[in-house]
Amino acid sequence: MSKHRSSAGLPVDGVERETVEGWTFPARSPATGERLWDVPDAGVADVHGAIAAARRAFDETPWSTDAALRRDAVVRLQEALAARSDDLALLLAAETGVPVSLRAAHLDAAIAHMWEPGSAPDGPPGVTAVVTPATSPLAVALEEVGRALTAGGTVVLKPAPEAASAALELGRTALDILPRGVLNVVSTRDVDVAIALTLDARVDEVSFTGSAVAGERVQHAASMAGKRVRLDVGGPLTIRAADDGDLAAVVAAAAVTVAANAGQGCRLPATVVVPPHRYAEALAAAVEAMDDVVVGDPAEPATVCGPLRSVVARDRVLRYLDLARSEGGDVALGGNRLERDGWWVVPTVVGGLTPASRLVREEVLGPVLMVVPAS
């Protein structure tokens, strides 16, 4: 796997294709901000080609009806991905900042569960458009691709642009294993391309994982076009600590969980609501646990908290922290960017908020833990 792995082309219809317009965009290291390599930037014509390939593979080949063929192919794809997992873990670290220490959750488990005969789609198999987020660069793609392929469907996968290279490597690995057109990957920065994918009449199902705002738009558009929609838009998670429990352990576990991968994940325990008379104790425990989190190069095995995936993601977290201060929040630890190249936020603990705070009600998607006294 070369350093400039993503410049080759789009894995579509069993081969690597250059984009019709020849467009690319740069992948940048979130740890340093430096340009890593160029990624193919698909246009609408490229998406139409990928959909045509997936439609043809479903309608005109034995893939949808031959369960033994599917099992053999998907299991061989699992084995090939497992053999390349060390490289894939380093690729995730380089392009998206996911620490290699977290590879079990972000890579290995997802590969192991790709062949799941019981994970059938919501309706009959067909052509599925899988749209995946930057916060989970490969795990969601592996889960949804595995689900669709196991059921007899074919896939067009569109990853988030910040996390495109790993998805392209998934598609390239599949070129020598899956029949032509069964799995096609298109990377793009153009929202019109994503819309064209979800609205195309040849697509039967849309699987979307991402923000609630984008998810609402996708669900409305795809539903109006008569497609099945699988939607996962995450959401904030609040933990309530019992008065008679081990408060320090609960708070510390939440702190480490929300700091892992710089808090970029769905349903993380970003808020712990504690008994008012134990608030000071809980805040101190949170600060101690968060201060012990190892921040650093995502390629280093000891690192737990790496950079944010993009400058936009970093600035979004910093705006939330400014909002916390304006709402009367007390930043007990961190609360600022780390002064180094790249897109970093210091692991942060915020107290002094109420359950009505926007930071409690919305997903911050950063290494930020709120400790809130119960009303």
Protein backbone atom coordinates (compact mmCIF):
# COMPACT_ATOMS: atom_id res chain seq x y z
CA MET A 1 0.00 0.00 0.00
CA SER A 2 1.82 3.11 -1.21
CA LYS A 3 1.74 6.47 0.51
CA HIS A 4 -0.07 7.96 -2.48
CA ARG A 5 -2.60 5.15 -2.43
CA SER A 6 -5.67 7.22 -3.28
CA SER A 7 -4.54 8.81 -6.53
CA ALA A 8 -5.13 5.69 -8.64
CA GLY A 9 -8.87 5.86 -9.26
CA LEU A 10 -12.33 4.82 -8.19
CA PRO A 11 -12.99 1.09 -7.69
CA VAL A 12 -16.08 0.74 -9.87
CA ASP A 13 -17.40 -2.25 -11.84
CA GLY A 14 -14.42 -4.44 -11.07
CA VAL A 15 -11.68 -2.01 -12.14
CA GLU A 16 -10.09 1.24 -11.05
CA ARG A 17 -11.39 4.17 -13.06
CA GLU A 18 -10.12 7.69 -13.26
CA THR A 19 -12.88 10.22 -12.70
CA VAL A 20 -14.57 11.43 -15.88
CA GLU A 21 -13.43 15.00 -15.30
CA GLY A 22 -10.05 13.99 -13.89
CA TRP A 23 -10.73 15.84 -10.65
CA THR A 24 -9.02 15.13 -7.32
CA PHE A 25 -8.89 16.72 -3.88
CA PRO A 26 -6.14 16.64 -1.26
CA ALA A 27 -6.22 14.45 1.82
CA ARG A 28 -4.58 16.25 4.74
CA SER A 29 -3.13 14.92 7.96
CA PRO A 30 -5.28 16.08 10.89
CA ALA A 31 -2.22 15.69 13.13
CA THR A 32 -0.06 18.12 11.15
CA GLY A 33 -2.23 19.75 8.50
CA GLU A 34 0.15 18.63 5.77
CA ARG A 35 -1.00 17.35 2.39
CA LEU A 36 -0.80 13.56 2.27
CA TRP A 37 -2.01 12.51 -1.18
CA ASP A 38 -4.74 13.23 -3.72
CA VAL A 39 -8.15 11.55 -3.63
CA PRO A 40 -10.38 11.01 -6.69
CA ASP A 41 -13.19 13.60 -6.74
CA ALA A 42 -16.16 11.96 -8.46
CA GLY A 43 -18.77 13.84 -10.46
CA VAL A 44 -22.34 12.96 -11.31
CA ALA A 45 -21.22 10.95 -14.36
CA ASP A 46 -19.00 8.80 -12.15
CA VAL A 47 -21.89 8.12 -9.78
CA HIS A 48 -24.17 7.17 -12.66
CA GLY A 49 -21.52 4.67 -13.80
CA ALA A 50 -21.24 3.17 -10.33
CA ILE A 51 -25.01 2.83 -9.99
CA ALA A 52 -25.26 1.20 -13.42
CA ALA A 53 -22.59 -1.32 -12.41
CA ALA A 54 -24.37 -2.16 -9.14
CA ARG A 55 -27.73 -2.46 -10.90
CA ARG A 56 -26.32 -4.77 -13.55
CA ALA A 57 -24.57 -6.96 -10.96
CA PHE A 58 -27.82 -7.35 -9.07
CA ASP A 59 -30.14 -7.90 -12.05
CA GLU A 60 -27.95 -9.89 -14.43
CA THR A 61 -25.64 -12.08 -12.31
CA PRO A 62 -26.19 -14.92 -9.80
CA TRP A 63 -25.08 -12.71 -6.89
CA SER A 64 -28.57 -12.03 -5.54
CA THR A 65 -29.68 -15.68 -5.71
CA ASP A 66 -26.56 -17.74 -4.94
CA ALA A 67 -26.02 -17.73 -1.16
CA ALA A 68 -22.98 -20.02 -1.38
CA LEU A 69 -21.29 -17.66 -3.84
CA ARG A 70 -21.95 -14.72 -1.53
CA ARG A 71 -20.68 -16.49 1.55
CA ASP A 72 -17.46 -17.57 -0.15
CA ALA A 73 -16.82 -14.07 -1.54
CA VAL A 74 -17.58 -12.12 1.62
CA VAL A 75 -15.54 -14.48 3.81
CA ARG A 76 -12.58 -14.15 1.43
CA LEU A 77 -12.98 -10.37 1.56
CA GLN A 78 -12.94 -10.56 5.36
CA GLU A 79 -9.75 -12.57 5.26
CA ALA A 80 -8.11 -10.14 2.84
CA LEU A 81 -9.06 -7.15 4.97
CA ALA A 82 -7.81 -8.87 8.12
CA ALA A 83 -4.49 -9.54 6.41
CA ARG A 84 -4.22 -5.83 5.57
CA SER A 85 -5.59 -4.59 8.88
CA ASP A 86 -2.27 -3.23 10.16
CA ASP A 87 -1.95 -1.02 7.09
CA LEU A 88 -5.60 0.00 7.30
CA ALA A 89 -5.19 0.99 10.96
CA LEU A 90 -2.24 3.19 10.04
CA LEU A 91 -4.21 4.66 7.13
CA LEU A 92 -7.06 5.60 9.47
CA ALA A 93 -4.55 7.19 11.84
CA ALA A 94 -2.90 9.18 9.05
CA GLU A 95 -6.02 10.46 7.29
CA THR A 96 -8.59 10.78 10.07
CA GLY A 97 -6.60 10.75 13.32
CA VAL A 98 -8.15 7.57 14.75
CA PRO A 99 -5.49 6.25 17.17
CA VAL A 100 -4.19 2.79 16.37
CA SER A 101 -4.89 1.90 20.01
CA LEU A 102 -8.61 2.03 19.12
CA ARG A 103 -8.40 -0.29 16.13
CA ALA A 104 -10.41 -3.04 17.81
CA ALA A 105 -13.57 -0.91 17.78
CA HIS A 106 -12.87 1.05 14.60
CA LEU A 107 -11.63 -1.78 12.41
CA ASP A 108 -11.10 -5.31 13.71
CA ALA A 109 -14.58 -5.95 15.12
CA ALA A 110 -16.23 -4.58 12.00
CA ILE A 111 -14.17 -6.86 9.75
CA ALA A 112 -14.99 -9.88 11.93
CA HIS A 113 -18.73 -9.25 11.63
CA MET A 114 -19.00 -8.56 7.90
CA TRP A 115 -20.58 -11.95 7.19
CA GLU A 116 -23.72 -11.92 9.34
CA PRO A 117 -26.47 -14.04 7.74
CA GLY A 118 -29.06 -12.76 10.22
CA SER A 119 -28.49 -9.08 9.46
CA ALA A 120 -31.02 -8.78 6.67
CA PRO A 121 -32.15 -5.45 5.16
CA ASP A 122 -35.49 -3.88 6.03
CA GLY A 123 -36.91 -5.11 2.73
CA PRO A 124 -35.87 -7.27 -0.21
CA PRO A 125 -32.24 -6.93 -1.34
CA GLY A 126 -31.38 -4.58 -4.15
CA VAL A 127 -28.97 -1.76 -4.90
CA THR A 128 -28.00 0.07 -1.71
CA ALA A 129 -26.37 3.50 -1.53
CA VAL A 130 -24.25 3.58 1.63
CA VAL A 131 -23.29 7.07 2.86
CA THR A 132 -20.83 7.04 5.77
CA PRO A 133 -19.50 9.71 8.17
CA ALA A 134 -16.02 10.95 8.97
CA THR A 135 -16.54 10.24 12.68
CA SER A 136 -16.48 6.49 12.03
CA PRO A 137 -14.25 6.22 8.98
CA LEU A 138 -14.47 2.51 8.20
CA ALA A 139 -16.51 0.65 10.84
CA VAL A 140 -19.88 1.90 9.56
CA ALA A 141 -18.90 1.16 5.96
CA LEU A 142 -17.86 -2.40 6.81
CA GLU A 143 -21.04 -3.00 8.79
CA GLU A 144 -23.42 -1.67 6.14
CA VAL A 145 -21.56 -3.15 3.18
CA GLY A 146 -21.44 -6.52 4.93
CA ARG A 147 -25.15 -6.35 5.72
CA ALA A 148 -26.13 -5.56 2.14
CA LEU A 149 -23.80 -8.09 0.53
CA THR A 150 -24.80 -10.88 2.89
CA ALA A 151 -28.45 -10.35 1.99
CA GLY A 152 -27.74 -10.50 -1.74
CA GLY A 153 -27.64 -6.79 -2.51
CA THR A 154 -25.06 -4.71 -4.32
CA VAL A 155 -23.56 -1.44 -3.08
CA VAL A 156 -22.42 2.01 -4.07
CA LEU A 157 -20.42 3.36 -1.13
CA LYS A 158 -19.88 7.11 -0.71
CA PRO A 159 -17.63 7.96 2.24
CA ALA A 160 -17.23 11.36 3.85
CA PRO A 161 -14.48 13.27 2.01
CA GLU A 162 -12.32 13.51 5.15
CA ALA A 163 -12.31 9.71 5.40
CA ALA A 164 -12.33 8.65 1.76
CA SER A 165 -9.03 6.78 1.48
CA ALA A 166 -9.92 3.88 3.78
CA ALA A 167 -13.21 3.33 1.92
CA LEU A 168 -11.36 3.39 -1.40
CA GLU A 169 -8.94 0.78 -0.05
CA LEU A 170 -11.92 -1.37 0.92
CA GLY A 171 -13.17 -1.14 -2.66
CA ARG A 172 -9.74 -1.86 -4.13
CA THR A 173 -9.27 -4.89 -1.90
CA ALA A 174 -12.60 -6.21 -3.16
CA LEU A 175 -11.66 -5.88 -6.85
CA ASP A 176 -9.97 -9.30 -6.99
CA ILE A 177 -12.54 -11.00 -4.75
CA LEU A 178 -16.09 -9.84 -5.42
CA PRO A 179 -17.82 -10.16 -8.80
CA ARG A 180 -17.82 -7.03 -10.95
CA GLY A 181 -20.19 -4.32 -9.83
CA VAL A 182 -21.08 -5.85 -6.47
CA LEU A 183 -19.16 -3.17 -4.52
CA ASN A 184 -18.40 0.24 -6.02
CA VAL A 185 -16.84 3.20 -4.18
CA VAL A 186 -17.13 6.87 -5.16
CA SER A 187 -15.35 9.61 -3.23
CA THR A 188 -16.43 13.21 -3.75
CA ARG A 189 -16.66 16.64 -2.14
CA ASP A 190 -19.71 17.61 -4.19
CA VAL A 191 -23.05 17.51 -2.38
CA ASP A 192 -24.84 17.34 -5.73
CA VAL A 193 -23.13 14.03 -6.37
CA ALA A 194 -24.42 12.64 -3.08
CA ILE A 195 -27.92 13.88 -3.91
CA ALA A 196 -27.75 12.24 -7.34
CA LEU A 197 -26.80 8.97 -5.66
CA THR A 198 -29.70 9.00 -3.22
CA LEU A 199 -32.31 10.05 -5.79
CA ASP A 200 -31.39 7.75 -8.68
CA ALA A 201 -34.30 5.48 -9.64
CA ARG A 202 -31.94 2.49 -9.94
CA VAL A 203 -31.14 2.66 -6.20
CA ASP A 204 -33.53 0.69 -3.98
CA GLU A 205 -32.25 1.56 -0.51
CA VAL A 206 -30.28 4.37 1.11
CA SER A 207 -28.22 3.79 4.25
CA PHE A 208 -27.12 7.06 5.83
CA THR A 209 -25.05 7.60 8.96
CA GLY A 210 -24.21 11.15 9.94
CA SER A 211 -25.61 14.38 11.32
CA ALA A 212 -29.28 14.81 12.19
CA VAL A 213 -29.66 17.78 9.84
CA ALA A 214 -28.22 15.97 6.83
CA GLY A 215 -30.07 12.80 7.79
CA GLU A 216 -33.41 14.58 7.77
CA ARG A 217 -32.75 15.88 4.27
CA VAL A 218 -31.66 12.46 3.04
CA GLN A 219 -34.69 10.74 4.56
CA HIS A 220 -37.11 13.23 3.05
CA ALA A 221 -35.55 13.11 -0.42
CA ALA A 222 -35.13 9.34 -0.53
CA SER A 223 -38.60 8.66 0.88
CA MET A 224 -40.16 10.97 -1.68
CA ALA A 225 -38.33 8.97 -4.34
CA GLY A 226 -39.87 5.76 -2.99
CA LYS A 227 -36.75 4.26 -1.46
CA ARG A 228 -36.21 2.42 1.79
CA VAL A 229 -34.08 4.44 4.18
CA ARG A 230 -31.82 3.23 7.00
CA LEU A 231 -30.90 6.22 9.12
CA ASP A 232 -28.49 6.55 12.03
CA VAL A 233 -27.96 10.13 13.18
CA GLY A 234 -26.54 9.38 16.62
CA GLY A 235 -27.38 11.83 19.37
CA PRO A 236 -26.06 12.95 22.74
CA LEU A 237 -25.88 10.50 25.64
CA THR A 238 -26.33 11.47 29.27
CA ILE A 239 -25.38 9.23 32.19
CA ARG A 240 -26.99 9.64 35.59
CA ALA A 241 -24.73 8.64 38.46
CA ALA A 242 -26.48 7.07 41.44
CA ASP A 243 -25.86 8.54 44.86
CA ASP A 244 -24.91 5.17 46.31
CA GLY A 245 -22.59 4.15 43.45
CA ASP A 246 -18.87 4.49 42.82
CA LEU A 247 -19.10 8.03 41.53
CA ALA A 248 -15.40 8.40 40.73
CA ALA A 249 -15.40 5.22 38.63
CA VAL A 250 -18.49 6.29 36.66
CA VAL A 251 -17.11 9.74 35.94
CA ALA A 252 -13.63 8.46 35.06
CA ALA A 253 -15.02 5.90 32.63
CA ALA A 254 -17.09 8.57 30.91
CA ALA A 255 -14.07 10.87 30.67
CA VAL A 256 -11.87 8.25 29.02
CA THR A 257 -14.65 7.19 26.64
CA VAL A 258 -15.41 10.70 25.47
CA ALA A 259 -11.71 11.56 25.08
CA ALA A 260 -10.98 8.50 22.93
CA ASN A 261 -10.59 9.49 19.28
CA ALA A 262 -11.06 13.11 20.42
CA GLY A 263 -14.74 12.47 21.14
CA GLN A 264 -15.61 11.81 17.51
CA GLY A 265 -18.29 9.17 17.74
CA CYS A 266 -22.01 8.64 18.21
CA ARG A 267 -23.72 8.15 21.55
CA LEU A 268 -20.72 8.92 23.72
CA PRO A 269 -21.35 9.64 27.43
CA ALA A 270 -20.51 13.33 27.09
CA THR A 271 -22.59 14.37 30.12
CA VAL A 272 -22.68 12.90 33.61
CA VAL A 273 -25.49 14.12 35.85
CA VAL A 274 -24.54 13.72 39.50
CA PRO A 275 -26.22 14.27 42.89
CA PRO A 276 -25.83 17.96 43.79
CA HIS A 277 -24.10 17.27 47.09
CA ARG A 278 -21.44 15.21 45.27
CA TYR A 279 -20.89 17.63 42.41
CA ALA A 280 -17.49 18.89 43.60
CA GLU A 281 -16.31 15.32 44.10
CA ALA A 282 -17.47 14.33 40.61
CA LEU A 283 -15.86 17.36 38.97
CA ALA A 284 -12.54 16.59 40.66
CA ALA A 285 -12.71 12.96 39.53
CA ALA A 286 -13.44 14.06 35.96
CA VAL A 287 -10.48 16.44 35.91
CA GLU A 288 -8.14 13.80 37.27
CA ALA A 289 -9.24 11.17 34.75
CA MET A 290 -9.22 13.52 31.78
CA ASP A 291 -5.82 14.91 32.72
CA ASP A 292 -4.40 11.37 32.54
CA VAL A 293 -5.59 10.79 28.95
CA VAL A 294 -2.66 10.34 26.58
CA VAL A 295 -2.81 12.90 23.77
CA GLY A 296 -0.47 12.54 20.83
CA ASP A 297 0.42 11.02 17.49
CA PRO A 298 -2.44 8.69 16.49
CA ALA A 299 0.09 6.24 15.06
CA GLU A 300 1.63 5.72 18.52
CA PRO A 301 0.17 2.73 20.45
CA ALA A 302 -0.11 4.69 23.73
CA THR A 303 -2.23 7.50 22.25
CA VAL A 304 -5.90 7.60 23.20
CA CYS A 305 -6.85 11.12 22.09
CA GLY A 306 -5.67 12.25 18.66
CA PRO A 307 -6.60 15.31 16.60
CA LEU A 308 -10.01 16.33 15.31
CA ARG A 309 -10.61 15.08 11.80
CA SER A 310 -10.60 18.53 10.15
CA VAL A 311 -10.18 22.20 10.87
CA VAL A 312 -13.96 22.56 10.54
CA ALA A 313 -14.50 19.89 13.20
CA ARG A 314 -11.97 21.52 15.52
CA ASP A 315 -13.48 24.98 15.16
CA ARG A 316 -16.95 23.55 15.78
CA VAL A 317 -15.78 22.18 19.14
CA LEU A 318 -14.13 25.47 20.06
CA ARG A 319 -17.37 27.33 19.28
CA TYR A 320 -19.24 24.99 21.61
CA LEU A 321 -16.72 25.75 24.35
CA ASP A 322 -17.25 29.48 23.81
CA LEU A 323 -20.97 28.80 24.10
CA ALA A 324 -20.41 26.93 27.36
CA ARG A 325 -18.69 29.97 28.82
CA SER A 326 -21.50 32.24 27.67
CA GLU A 327 -24.02 29.92 29.37
CA GLY A 328 -22.15 30.22 32.66
CA GLY A 329 -20.09 27.07 32.31
CA ASP A 330 -16.91 26.61 34.30
CA VAL A 331 -14.07 25.14 32.24
CA ALA A 332 -12.27 23.11 34.88
CA LEU A 333 -9.70 21.63 32.50
CA GLY A 334 -8.65 22.37 28.94
CA GLY A 335 -11.12 24.39 26.91
CA ASN A 336 -8.66 25.45 24.23
CA ARG A 337 -6.80 24.27 21.14
CA LEU A 338 -3.50 22.52 21.56
CA GLU A 339 -0.71 24.71 20.26
CA ARG A 340 0.75 22.47 17.60
CA ASP A 341 0.29 21.95 13.88
CA GLY A 342 -2.90 20.17 12.95
CA TRP A 343 -6.39 20.27 14.43
CA TRP A 344 -6.23 19.59 18.15
CA VAL A 345 -8.39 20.36 21.18
CA VAL A 346 -7.12 19.78 24.70
CA PRO A 347 -9.23 17.17 26.58
CA THR A 348 -11.74 19.30 28.46
CA VAL A 349 -13.99 19.14 31.52
CA VAL A 350 -16.85 21.62 31.85
CA GLY A 351 -18.89 22.18 35.00
CA GLY A 352 -21.46 24.75 35.97
CA LEU A 353 -24.00 23.95 33.25
CA THR A 354 -27.62 22.82 33.57
CA PRO A 355 -29.42 20.01 31.76
CA ALA A 356 -30.95 22.68 29.50
CA SER A 357 -27.55 23.69 28.10
CA ARG A 358 -27.03 23.19 24.39
CA LEU A 359 -23.82 21.32 25.15
CA VAL A 360 -25.88 18.76 27.05
CA ARG A 361 -28.67 18.59 24.47
CA GLU A 362 -26.50 18.50 21.35
CA GLU A 363 -23.52 16.44 20.21
CA VAL A 364 -20.29 18.35 20.69
CA LEU A 365 -18.23 15.63 18.93
CA GLY A 366 -15.06 16.61 20.75
CA PRO A 367 -13.04 15.51 23.79
CA VAL A 368 -15.36 17.37 26.14
CA LEU A 369 -17.05 16.01 29.27
CA MET A 370 -19.81 17.93 31.06
CA VAL A 371 -20.40 17.31 34.77
CA VAL A 372 -23.86 18.56 35.69
CA PRO A 373 -25.54 18.62 39.10
CA ALA A 374 -29.02 17.11 39.04
CA SER A 375 -31.84 19.62 39.20
